[in-house]
C-alpha atoms as a PDB file:
ATOM      1  CA  MET A   1     -25.721 135.128  50.657  1.00  0.00           C
ATOM      2  CA  ALA A   2     -25.730 131.992  48.338  1.00  0.00           C
ATOM      3  CA  ASP A   3     -29.615 131.608  48.603  1.00  0.00           C
ATOM      4  CA  LEU A   4     -30.142 135.372  47.837  1.00  0.00           C
ATOM      5  CA  ALA A   5     -27.772 134.796  44.573  1.00  0.00           C
ATOM      6  CA  ALA A   6     -29.731 131.820  43.562  1.00  0.00           C
ATOM      7  CA  ARG A   7     -32.872 133.594  43.391  1.00  0.00           C
ATOM      8  CA  ASN A   8     -30.958 136.748  41.670  1.00  0.00           C
ATOM      9  CA  GLU A   9     -31.300 138.937  44.311  1.00  0.00           C
ATOM     10  CA  SER A  10     -28.669 141.377  45.751  1.00  0.00           C
ATOM     11  CA  PRO A  11     -28.618 142.458  49.549  1.00  0.00           C
ATOM     12  CA  GLU A  12     -28.458 146.190  50.750  1.00  0.00           C
ATOM     13  CA  ILE A  13     -25.714 145.283  52.786  1.00  0.00           C
ATOM     14  CA  LEU A  14     -23.354 142.211  53.625  1.00  0.00           C
ATOM     15  CA  PHE A  15     -23.034 141.774  57.131  1.00  0.00           C
ATOM     16  CA  TRP A  16     -19.531 140.663  58.064  1.00  0.00           C
ATOM     17  CA  VAL A  17     -20.060 138.668  61.323  1.00  0.00           C
ATOM     18  CA  GLY A  18     -16.473 138.241  62.062  1.00  0.00           C
ATOM     19  CA  CYS A  19     -14.730 135.316  64.098  1.00  0.00           C
ATOM     20  CA  ALA A  20     -15.652 136.554  67.563  1.00  0.00           C
ATOM     21  CA  GLY A  21     -19.379 137.115  66.230  1.00  0.00           C
ATOM     22  CA  ALA A  22     -19.479 133.751  65.097  1.00  0.00           C
ATOM     23  CA  PHE A  23     -17.829 131.783  67.591  1.00  0.00           C
ATOM     24  CA  ASP A  24     -17.318 133.731  70.875  1.00  0.00           C
ATOM     25  CA  ASP A  25     -20.583 132.904  73.157  1.00  0.00           C
ATOM     26  CA  ARG A  26     -20.296 136.597  74.839  1.00  0.00           C
ATOM     27  CA  TYR A  27     -20.171 138.029  71.136  1.00  0.00           C
ATOM     28  CA  LYS A  28     -22.592 136.238  69.414  1.00  0.00           C
ATOM     29  CA  ARG A  29     -25.201 138.206  71.744  1.00  0.00           C
ATOM     30  CA  VAL A  30     -24.030 141.348  69.819  1.00  0.00           C
ATOM     31  CA  THR A  31     -24.377 139.426  66.697  1.00  0.00           C
ATOM     32  CA  ARG A  32     -27.848 138.618  67.519  1.00  0.00           C
ATOM     33  CA  ALA A  33     -28.581 142.116  68.922  1.00  0.00           C
ATOM     34  CA  PHE A  34     -27.371 144.013  65.473  1.00  0.00           C
ATOM     35  CA  VAL A  35     -29.545 141.398  63.422  1.00  0.00           C
ATOM     36  CA  ARG A  36     -32.353 142.149  65.316  1.00  0.00           C
ATOM     37  CA  ILE A  37     -32.042 145.685  64.716  1.00  0.00           C
ATOM     38  CA  LEU A  38     -31.642 144.866  60.961  1.00  0.00           C
ATOM     39  CA  GLU A  39     -34.782 142.944  60.700  1.00  0.00           C
ATOM     40  CA  HIS A  40     -36.612 145.651  62.955  1.00  0.00           C
ATOM     41  CA  VAL A  41     -35.860 148.394  60.335  1.00  0.00           C
ATOM     42  CA  GLY A  42     -36.370 146.442  57.394  1.00  0.00           C
ATOM     43  CA  THR A  43     -32.677 146.215  55.938  1.00  0.00           C
ATOM     44  CA  LYS A  44     -32.135 143.332  53.240  1.00  0.00           C
ATOM     45  CA  TYR A  45     -29.252 141.976  54.606  1.00  0.00           C
ATOM     46  CA  ALA A  46     -27.018 138.946  53.922  1.00  0.00           C
ATOM     47  CA  VAL A  47     -24.248 136.721  55.614  1.00  0.00           C
ATOM     48  CA  LEU A  48     -21.584 134.537  53.974  1.00  0.00           C
ATOM     49  CA  GLY A  49     -22.015 131.935  56.297  1.00  0.00           C
ATOM     50  CA  LEU A  50     -19.514 129.208  55.842  1.00  0.00           C
ATOM     51  CA  GLU A  51     -18.171 131.064  52.962  1.00  0.00           C
ATOM     52  CA  GLU A  52     -16.664 133.641  55.511  1.00  0.00           C
ATOM     53  CA  SER A  53     -13.158 133.131  56.729  1.00  0.00           C
ATOM     54  CA  CYS A  54     -11.265 135.146  59.055  1.00  0.00           C
ATOM     55  CA  THR A  55     -10.031 138.463  57.376  1.00  0.00           C
ATOM     56  CA  GLY A  56      -6.706 137.641  58.218  1.00  0.00           C
ATOM     57  CA  ASP A  57      -5.864 140.417  60.557  1.00  0.00           C
ATOM     58  CA  PRO A  58      -4.809 138.419  63.616  1.00  0.00           C
ATOM     59  CA  ALA A  59      -1.850 136.793  61.141  1.00  0.00           C
ATOM     60  CA  LYS A  60      -0.741 140.076  59.725  1.00  0.00           C
ATOM     61  CA  ARG A  61      -0.412 141.690  63.158  1.00  0.00           C
ATOM     62  CA  ALA A  62       1.414 138.936  64.272  1.00  0.00           C
ATOM     63  CA  GLY A  63       3.861 139.081  60.727  1.00  0.00           C
ATOM     64  CA  ASN A  64       2.552 136.280  58.935  1.00  0.00           C
ATOM     65  CA  GLU A  65       1.954 138.529  55.428  1.00  0.00           C
ATOM     66  CA  PHE A  66       1.606 135.264  53.731  1.00  0.00           C
ATOM     67  CA  LEU A  67      -1.338 133.681  55.559  1.00  0.00           C
ATOM     68  CA  PHE A  68      -2.775 136.920  55.680  1.00  0.00           C
ATOM     69  CA  GLN A  69      -2.990 137.373  51.931  1.00  0.00           C
ATOM     70  CA  MET A  70      -4.369 133.590  51.853  1.00  0.00           C
ATOM     71  CA  GLN A  71      -7.053 134.512  53.802  1.00  0.00           C
ATOM     72  CA  ALA A  72      -7.686 138.216  52.161  1.00  0.00           C
ATOM     73  CA  MET A  73      -7.745 136.503  48.660  1.00  0.00           C
ATOM     74  CA  THR A  74     -10.076 133.901  49.535  1.00  0.00           C
ATOM     75  CA  ASN A  75     -12.710 136.453  50.865  1.00  0.00           C
ATOM     76  CA  ILE A  76     -12.197 138.863  48.070  1.00  0.00           C
ATOM     77  CA  THR A  77     -12.922 136.236  45.587  1.00  0.00           C
ATOM     78  CA  THR A  78     -16.056 134.992  47.312  1.00  0.00           C
ATOM     79  CA  MET A  79     -17.243 138.536  47.465  1.00  0.00           C
ATOM     80  CA  ASN A  80     -16.302 139.793  44.229  1.00  0.00           C
ATOM     81  CA  GLY A  81     -18.086 136.526  43.022  1.00  0.00           C
ATOM     82  CA  TYR A  82     -21.321 137.810  44.589  1.00  0.00           C
ATOM     83  CA  GLY A  83     -20.863 141.427  43.636  1.00  0.00           C
ATOM     84  CA  ILE A  84     -20.803 142.648  47.197  1.00  0.00           C
ATOM     85  CA  LYS A  85     -20.659 146.446  47.464  1.00  0.00           C
ATOM     86  CA  LYS A  86     -21.524 147.575  50.962  1.00  0.00           C
ATOM     87  CA  ILE A  87     -20.126 145.804  54.064  1.00  0.00           C
ATOM     88  CA  VAL A  88     -21.324 146.583  57.821  1.00  0.00           C
ATOM     89  CA  THR A  89     -19.222 144.949  60.586  1.00  0.00           C
ATOM     90  CA  ALA A  90     -19.495 144.754  64.070  1.00  0.00           C
ATOM     91  CA  CYS A  91     -15.637 144.204  64.543  1.00  0.00           C
ATOM     92  CA  PRO A  92     -13.219 147.224  63.965  1.00  0.00           C
ATOM     93  CA  HIS A  93     -10.342 144.666  63.214  1.00  0.00           C
ATOM     94  CA  CYS A  94     -12.434 143.413  60.420  1.00  0.00           C
ATOM     95  CA  PHE A  95     -13.808 146.962  59.410  1.00  0.00           C
ATOM     96  CA  ASN A  96      -9.936 148.096  59.614  1.00  0.00           C
ATOM     97  CA  THR A  97      -8.378 145.247  57.415  1.00  0.00           C
ATOM     98  CA  ILE A  98     -11.314 145.031  54.733  1.00  0.00           C
ATOM     99  CA  LYS A  99     -11.350 148.809  54.513  1.00  0.00           C
ATOM    100  CA  ASN A 100      -8.080 149.721  54.189  1.00  0.00           C
ATOM    101  CA  GLU A 101      -5.829 146.739  53.295  1.00  0.00           C
ATOM    102  CA  TYR A 102      -8.602 144.786  50.804  1.00  0.00           C
ATOM    103  CA  PRO A 103      -8.244 147.285  48.205  1.00  0.00           C
ATOM    104  CA  ALA A 104      -4.479 146.452  47.375  1.00  0.00           C
ATOM    105  CA  LEU A 105      -5.332 142.902  46.771  1.00  0.00           C
ATOM    106  CA  GLY A 106      -8.816 143.766  44.554  1.00  0.00           C
ATOM    107  CA  GLY A 107     -11.237 144.194  47.365  1.00  0.00           C
ATOM    108  CA  ASP A 108     -12.768 147.544  46.805  1.00  0.00           C
ATOM    109  CA  TYR A 109     -16.223 147.741  49.001  1.00  0.00           C
ATOM    110  CA  GLU A 110     -17.611 150.447  50.958  1.00  0.00           C
ATOM    111  CA  VAL A 111     -17.007 149.148  54.497  1.00  0.00           C
ATOM    112  CA  ILE A 112     -18.967 150.660  57.402  1.00  0.00           C
ATOM    113  CA  HIS A 113     -18.568 150.088  61.231  1.00  0.00           C
ATOM    114  CA  HIS A 114     -21.832 149.467  63.184  1.00  0.00           C
ATOM    115  CA  SER A 115     -21.488 151.879  65.003  1.00  0.00           C
ATOM    116  CA  THR A 116     -21.932 154.423  62.369  1.00  0.00           C
ATOM    117  CA  TYR A 117     -24.481 152.405  60.875  1.00  0.00           C
ATOM    118  CA  LEU A 118     -26.558 152.571  64.277  1.00  0.00           C
ATOM    119  CA  GLN A 119     -25.754 156.445  63.868  1.00  0.00           C
ATOM    120  CA  GLN A 120     -27.494 156.508  60.429  1.00  0.00           C
ATOM    121  CA  LEU A 121     -30.383 154.633  61.480  1.00  0.00           C
ATOM    122  CA  ILE A 122     -30.958 156.876  64.654  1.00  0.00           C
ATOM    123  CA  ASN A 123     -30.612 159.825  62.496  1.00  0.00           C
ATOM    124  CA  GLU A 124     -32.940 158.943  59.783  1.00  0.00           C
ATOM    125  CA  GLY A 125     -35.448 158.010  62.460  1.00  0.00           C
ATOM    126  CA  LYS A 126     -35.796 154.248  61.564  1.00  0.00           C
ATOM    127  CA  VAL A 127     -34.616 153.434  65.216  1.00  0.00           C
ATOM    128  CA  GLY A 128     -36.106 155.589  67.854  1.00  0.00           C
ATOM    129  CA  VAL A 129     -34.402 154.048  71.034  1.00  0.00           C
ATOM    130  CA  THR A 130     -37.592 154.126  72.637  1.00  0.00           C
ATOM    131  CA  GLY A 131     -40.162 151.323  73.717  1.00  0.00           C
ATOM    132  CA  GLY A 132     -37.873 149.160  75.554  1.00  0.00           C
ATOM    133  CA  GLU A 133     -35.347 149.524  78.514  1.00  0.00           C
ATOM    134  CA  SER A 134     -34.691 153.084  79.815  1.00  0.00           C
ATOM    135  CA  PHE A 135     -31.299 154.106  80.222  1.00  0.00           C
ATOM    136  CA  LYS A 136     -32.016 157.565  81.467  1.00  0.00           C
ATOM    137  CA  GLY A 137     -29.876 158.702  84.442  1.00  0.00           C
ATOM    138  CA  ARG A 138     -27.486 155.501  84.205  1.00  0.00           C
ATOM    139  CA  ARG A 139     -24.059 156.525  84.018  1.00  0.00           C
ATOM    140  CA  ILE A 140     -22.312 155.100  80.932  1.00  0.00           C
ATOM    141  CA  THR A 141     -18.499 155.311  79.722  1.00  0.00           C
ATOM    142  CA  PHE A 142     -17.366 154.758  76.249  1.00  0.00           C
ATOM    143  CA  HIS A 143     -14.069 152.780  75.932  1.00  0.00           C
ATOM    144  CA  ASP A 144     -12.567 153.811  72.509  1.00  0.00           C
ATOM    145  CA  SER A 145     -11.389 150.595  70.474  1.00  0.00           C
ATOM    146  CA  CYS A 146      -7.912 151.714  68.783  1.00  0.00           C
ATOM    147  CA  TYR A 147      -8.927 150.256  65.142  1.00  0.00           C
ATOM    148  CA  LEU A 148     -12.008 152.285  65.262  1.00  0.00           C
ATOM    149  CA  GLY A 149     -10.606 155.529  66.864  1.00  0.00           C
ATOM    150  CA  ARG A 150      -7.095 156.076  66.080  1.00  0.00           C
ATOM    151  CA  ALA A 151      -6.796 153.891  62.979  1.00  0.00           C
ATOM    152  CA  ASN A 152      -9.824 155.326  61.357  1.00  0.00           C
ATOM    153  CA  ASN A 153     -10.607 158.296  63.203  1.00  0.00           C
ATOM    154  CA  ILE A 154     -14.423 157.359  64.293  1.00  0.00           C
ATOM    155  CA  TYR A 155     -15.022 158.725  67.471  1.00  0.00           C
ATOM    156  CA  GLU A 156     -18.333 160.874  67.166  1.00  0.00           C
ATOM    157  CA  ALA A 157     -20.715 158.199  65.694  1.00  0.00           C
ATOM    158  CA  PRO A 158     -20.298 155.729  69.067  1.00  0.00           C
ATOM    159  CA  ARG A 159     -20.969 158.652  71.320  1.00  0.00           C
ATOM    160  CA  ASP A 160     -23.738 159.961  69.241  1.00  0.00           C
ATOM    161  CA  VAL A 161     -25.453 156.637  69.614  1.00  0.00           C
ATOM    162  CA  LEU A 162     -25.083 156.547  73.107  1.00  0.00           C
ATOM    163  CA  ALA A 163     -26.376 160.249  73.351  1.00  0.00           C
ATOM    164  CA  ALA A 164     -29.699 159.015  71.873  1.00  0.00           C
ATOM    165  CA  LEU A 165     -30.035 156.787  74.916  1.00  0.00           C
ATOM    166  CA  ASP A 166     -30.179 159.834  77.127  1.00  0.00           C
ATOM    167  CA  ALA A 167     -28.043 158.514  79.733  1.00  0.00           C
ATOM    168  CA  ASP A 168     -25.550 160.037  81.736  1.00  0.00           C
ATOM    169  CA  LEU A 169     -22.389 159.845  79.519  1.00  0.00           C
ATOM    170  CA  VAL A 170     -19.025 160.344  81.350  1.00  0.00           C
ATOM    171  CA  GLU A 171     -15.328 160.649  79.593  1.00  0.00           C
ATOM    172  CA  MET A 172     -12.491 158.754  80.523  1.00  0.00           C
ATOM    173  CA  LYS A 173      -9.679 160.931  81.009  1.00  0.00           C
ATOM    174  CA  ARG A 174      -7.616 158.928  78.253  1.00  0.00           C
ATOM    175  CA  SER A 175     -10.336 159.012  75.628  1.00  0.00           C
ATOM    176  CA  ARG A 176     -10.585 159.511  71.930  1.00  0.00           C
ATOM    177  CA  ALA A 177      -7.456 160.046  70.132  1.00  0.00           C
ATOM    178  CA  ASN A 178      -5.613 159.500  73.521  1.00  0.00           C
ATOM    179  CA  GLY A 179      -7.464 156.675  74.687  1.00  0.00           C
ATOM    180  CA  LEU A 180      -5.468 153.560  75.849  1.00  0.00           C
ATOM    181  CA  CYS A 181      -5.823 150.331  74.271  1.00  0.00           C
ATOM    182  CA  CYS A 182      -7.577 147.501  76.020  1.00  0.00           C
ATOM    183  CA  GLY A 183      -4.567 145.389  75.475  1.00  0.00           C
ATOM    184  CA  ALA A 184      -5.960 143.134  72.879  1.00  0.00           C
ATOM    185  CA  GLY A 185      -4.928 144.659  69.707  1.00  0.00           C
ATOM    186  CA  GLY A 186      -2.024 143.876  67.591  1.00  0.00           C
ATOM    187  CA  ALA A 187      -2.520 140.116  67.965  1.00  0.00           C
ATOM    188  CA  GLN A 188      -2.003 140.615  71.690  1.00  0.00           C
ATOM    189  CA  MET A 189      -5.390 138.631  72.133  1.00  0.00           C
ATOM    190  CA  TRP A 190      -3.654 135.466  71.343  1.00  0.00           C
ATOM    191  CA  LYS A 191      -0.809 135.457  73.440  1.00  0.00           C
ATOM    192  CA  GLU A 192      -0.124 136.123  77.370  1.00  0.00           C
ATOM    193  CA  PRO A 193       1.357 139.457  78.126  1.00  0.00           C
ATOM    194  CA  GLU A 194       5.094 140.182  78.915  1.00  0.00           C
ATOM    195  CA  PRO A 195       5.977 140.630  82.382  1.00  0.00           C
ATOM    196  CA  GLY A 196       5.025 143.714  84.021  1.00  0.00           C
ATOM    197  CA  LYS A 197       3.660 145.562  86.946  1.00  0.00           C
ATOM    198  CA  LYS A 198      -0.125 145.212  85.532  1.00  0.00           C
ATOM    199  CA  ASP A 199      -1.935 144.301  82.642  1.00  0.00           C
ATOM    200  CA  ILE A 200      -3.067 146.690  80.171  1.00  0.00           C
ATOM    201  CA  ASN A 201      -6.838 145.747  80.654  1.00  0.00           C
ATOM    202  CA  ILE A 202      -6.652 145.885  84.534  1.00  0.00           C
ATOM    203  CA  GLU A 203      -5.367 149.426  84.040  1.00  0.00           C
ATOM    204  CA  ARG A 204      -7.973 150.384  81.561  1.00  0.00           C
ATOM    205  CA  THR A 205     -10.791 149.007  83.569  1.00  0.00           C
ATOM    206  CA  GLU A 206      -9.361 150.667  87.006  1.00  0.00           C
ATOM    207  CA  GLU A 207      -9.821 153.975  85.055  1.00  0.00           C
ATOM    208  CA  ALA A 208     -13.518 153.049  83.748  1.00  0.00           C
ATOM    209  CA  LEU A 209     -14.520 152.251  87.268  1.00  0.00           C
ATOM    210  CA  ALA A 210     -12.869 155.285  88.672  1.00  0.00           C
ATOM    211  CA  THR A 211     -14.701 157.503  85.961  1.00  0.00           C
ATOM    212  CA  LEU A 212     -18.039 155.764  86.564  1.00  0.00           C
ATOM    213  CA  SER A 213     -17.887 156.375  90.266  1.00  0.00           C
ATOM    214  CA  GLY A 214     -16.352 159.909  89.980  1.00  0.00           C
ATOM    215  CA  ALA A 215     -13.128 158.802  92.553  1.00  0.00           C
ATOM    216  CA  ALA A 216     -11.353 162.086  91.900  1.00  0.00           C
ATOM    217  CA  GLU A 217      -7.959 160.833  93.867  1.00  0.00           C
ATOM    218  CA  ALA A 218      -7.674 157.658  91.590  1.00  0.00           C
ATOM    219  CA  LEU A 219      -8.252 159.606  88.347  1.00  0.00           C
ATOM    220  CA  ALA A 220      -5.847 162.271  89.559  1.00  0.00           C
ATOM    221  CA  ASN A 221      -3.055 159.377  89.575  1.00  0.00           C
ATOM    222  CA  LEU A 222      -3.738 158.224  86.159  1.00  0.00           C
ATOM    223  CA  GLY A 223      -0.659 158.263  84.095  1.00  0.00           C
ATOM    224  CA  GLY A 224      -0.460 158.874  80.056  1.00  0.00           C
ATOM    225  CA  VAL A 225      -1.543 161.649  77.943  1.00  0.00           C
ATOM    226  CA  GLU A 226      -5.000 163.106  78.902  1.00  0.00           C
ATOM    227  CA  THR A 227      -7.917 164.384  77.060  1.00  0.00           C
ATOM    228  CA  GLU A 228      -9.886 167.516  78.185  1.00  0.00           C
ATOM    229  CA  THR A 229     -12.721 166.242  80.058  1.00  0.00           C
ATOM    230  CA  ASN A 230     -14.981 167.464  82.739  1.00  0.00           C
ATOM    231  CA  ALA A 231     -14.477 165.376  85.941  1.00  0.00           C
ATOM    232  CA  PRO A 232     -17.578 163.483  86.733  1.00  0.00           C
ATOM    233  CA  GLY A 233     -18.986 163.737  90.013  1.00  0.00           C
ATOM    234  CA  PRO A 234     -19.291 160.856  92.668  1.00  0.00           C
ATOM    235  CA  HIS A 235     -21.783 158.342  91.627  1.00  0.00           C
ATOM    236  CA  ASP A 236     -22.686 154.692  92.931  1.00  0.00           C
ATOM    237  CA  LEU A 237     -21.696 152.164  90.583  1.00  0.00           C
ATOM    238  CA  GLN A 238     -24.776 150.091  90.850  1.00  0.00           C
ATOM    239  CA  GLY A 239     -26.112 149.838  87.128  1.00  0.00           C
ATOM    240  CA  SER A 240     -23.322 151.710  85.564  1.00  0.00           C
ATOM    241  CA  ILE A 241     -21.978 150.699  82.154  1.00  0.00           C
ATOM    242  CA  ILE A 242     -18.915 150.428  80.099  1.00  0.00           C
ATOM    243  CA  ALA A 243     -19.810 150.750  76.348  1.00  0.00           C
ATOM    244  CA  VAL A 244     -17.502 149.239  73.955  1.00  0.00           C
ATOM    245  CA  SER A 245     -17.574 148.636  70.133  1.00  0.00           C
ATOM    246  CA  CYS A 246     -15.410 145.649  69.473  1.00  0.00           C
ATOM    247  CA  PRO A 247     -15.234 141.941  70.134  1.00  0.00           C
ATOM    248  CA  PHE A 248     -11.720 142.260  71.691  1.00  0.00           C
ATOM    249  CA  CYS A 249     -12.551 145.241  74.012  1.00  0.00           C
ATOM    250  CA  MET A 250     -15.408 143.489  75.263  1.00  0.00           C
ATOM    251  CA  THR A 251     -13.333 140.234  76.121  1.00  0.00           C
ATOM    252  CA  MET A 252     -10.625 142.499  78.118  1.00  0.00           C
ATOM    253  CA  MET A 253     -13.104 144.726  79.676  1.00  0.00           C
ATOM    254  CA  SER A 254     -15.144 142.427  81.263  1.00  0.00           C
ATOM    255  CA  ASP A 255     -12.146 140.306  82.442  1.00  0.00           C
ATOM    256  CA  GLY A 256     -11.306 143.711  83.978  1.00  0.00           C
ATOM    257  CA  VAL A 257     -14.598 144.259  85.607  1.00  0.00           C
ATOM    258  CA  LYS A 258     -14.179 140.383  86.985  1.00  0.00           C
ATOM    259  CA  ASN A 259     -10.754 140.979  87.988  1.00  0.00           C
ATOM    260  CA  LYS A 260     -12.038 144.220  90.322  1.00  0.00           C
ATOM    261  CA  GLU A 261     -14.971 141.833  91.341  1.00  0.00           C
ATOM    262  CA  GLN A 262     -17.311 144.392  89.909  1.00  0.00           C
ATOM    263  CA  GLU A 263     -19.554 142.383  87.580  1.00  0.00           C
ATOM    264  CA  SER A 264     -22.447 142.520  89.952  1.00  0.00           C
ATOM    265  CA  ARG A 265     -22.812 146.413  89.909  1.00  0.00           C
ATOM    266  CA  VAL A 266     -21.076 147.231  86.576  1.00  0.00           C
ATOM    267  CA  GLN A 267     -22.010 145.744  82.853  1.00  0.00           C
ATOM    268  CA  VAL A 268     -19.834 145.858  79.850  1.00  0.00           C
ATOM    269  CA  PHE A 269     -22.345 146.144  76.669  1.00  0.00           C
ATOM    270  CA  ASP A 270     -21.725 146.676  72.865  1.00  0.00           C
ATOM    271  CA  LEU A 271     -23.525 149.416  71.265  1.00  0.00           C
ATOM    272  CA  ALA A 272     -25.822 147.106  69.362  1.00  0.00           C
ATOM    273  CA  GLU A 273     -27.120 145.455  72.519  1.00  0.00           C
ATOM    274  CA  LEU A 274     -27.649 148.830  74.403  1.00  0.00           C
ATOM    275  CA  VAL A 275     -29.879 149.933  71.002  1.00  0.00           C
ATOM    276  CA  ALA A 276     -31.639 146.899  70.772  1.00  0.00           C
ATOM    277  CA  SER A 277     -32.393 146.947  74.400  1.00  0.00           C
ATOM    278  CA  ALA A 278     -33.943 150.593  74.191  1.00  0.00           C
ATOM    279  CA  GLU A 279     -35.786 149.538  71.336  1.00  0.00           C
ATOM    280  CA  GLY A 280     -37.504 146.560  73.068  1.00  0.00           C
ATOM    281  CA  ILE A 281     -36.204 144.184  70.806  1.00  0.00           C
ATOM    282  CA  ASN A 282     -33.036 142.509  72.239  1.00  0.00           C
ATOM    283  CA  ALA A 283     -33.973 139.056  74.071  1.00  0.00           C
END
């Protein structure tokens, strides 16, 4: 961003990378995939680089309002100094914080989650999801991020993106507004879980695997509030995908798949990775 400003230029969007997108080895692949898409369609974008700090979401969820406001004001001062108007991020936690909590501190921006941005690119014909890996016939289930779904009512955009892949999209019984948290929200990512019968991410992964395999008995035994969905038929797990749109969900669902020793059969991918692979631009 500093380089563009030095040339008196402005980006079409500021890509907010986020802590996970910058430091987590697994989610760095999502960052690279999304950047390849931006460059593929010719979007003029910028990143803050070393000037980007944590949004303060974990601090706020953990109850440290003072630290949150310090981090938020640092970012707001930086972005307002550059005249930033439009932000796209692949992290629902960053999205929710910048969109809903920064305005009270003087940070008013148009904030878009990358699932919505990808949907726009597909609808505009800029991304055709052709020429690369084919997902036709592969079974995919989508795990709703709490901060994308319940917190911001974004349910259709990620599903529209997956529908463009022409895959066999199956819904979990607990989905959309009734979706089950991955277990990492509310700053839970940074602490060990309280004692109980089962970790939340294991429960959610079991539901995802049962949905992908069409295990009727396992699905019938699920607790919680269910969403009206069509029961999936029996299916081999080999080549199946759990799709996510959040770095926390990526970690928790990946750990769950490993716990069930299914990582050789079931993969966890972000929407950007799937679109980049289908477009033939993912490394």
